């Protein structure tokens, strides 16, 4: 990463580590823990959460993000800091579904309400820690299958495809890979390769370029988020390959022109700008004496295709 770009990301992370609005001290404090703020999905999420806090006006929001998609230490430190500060609730989209279980168990033991959203914590890790915690978020496997099915329909049986995976330690990455594999099986596609690019655009560009060299007959690409889909499309443009179809996941603003131009066949909207706000509402309800959240509280997803933006 160039120094200028790194500096801007660090500035953004540092700024969001502070209270986003000034409120009275007697209002509940919510610590929002997101993933990489270099990713448009989480930038939009932060903007939605800040607007929500301003609209409600009855709680204090403190938000933190990561420098990049593998900066797990920022999340660990953020949770520890929120425990030390004695916030009333922590609302978290974990970057690592196993590593975050222990610090969140510590937060709950300290009397802090915790809401896990967007990316589910690992079920076995929760069980091993004696942690009973609900999940508020989308059906990542089902959403990925929607995108994969759209690709399968466009290619037909026998279509040759590859998968660009997210972080191996994140549950949503695992679920999206499974969803893509479901679509491969249902559509009778030929899966040539599947590799991680850790949610990152430039890594996806490099990983896919290697795949394309090894498999020049690729016809379709399933990318587990739009940031990686953008990296794939950059590699296709550089190679002069307009014949390969790409699907992504997140429906961030940066892919709207790509959908319109047909460079991206489809993506999945999981309404990220609303997701944190909804999770915060649920956390505040529990803090206010409401019932404990249980099980899987599903949030909406929607397939978005080129037809939706033309």
Foldseek 3Di string as FASTA:
>chain_A
DDPVLLVVQVVVQVVLQDWPDDADPVAAEEEEEEERPVDLLVVLQVVLQSVLCVVVVRYIYRYGYASHLPRQVRRLVSLVVCLVVVGQEYEYAHSFQQVCLVSVVVSVVSVHHYAYEAFHHDPVSCVVVVHFHAYEYAQLLQQLLVQLLLVLVVQAAAAEEEEAFADPRTRSRVSSVNSNVVSCVVSNYHYDYYYYQNLAQQSLLVVVLVVCVVPVRHAEYEYAAVSSLNSNLVNCVVVVHQRHEYEHEAPRPVCLVVQQVRNHFKYKHRPSNCGSSVSVVVSVCVSVPHDHDHYYNHGDMDMDGSVNRD
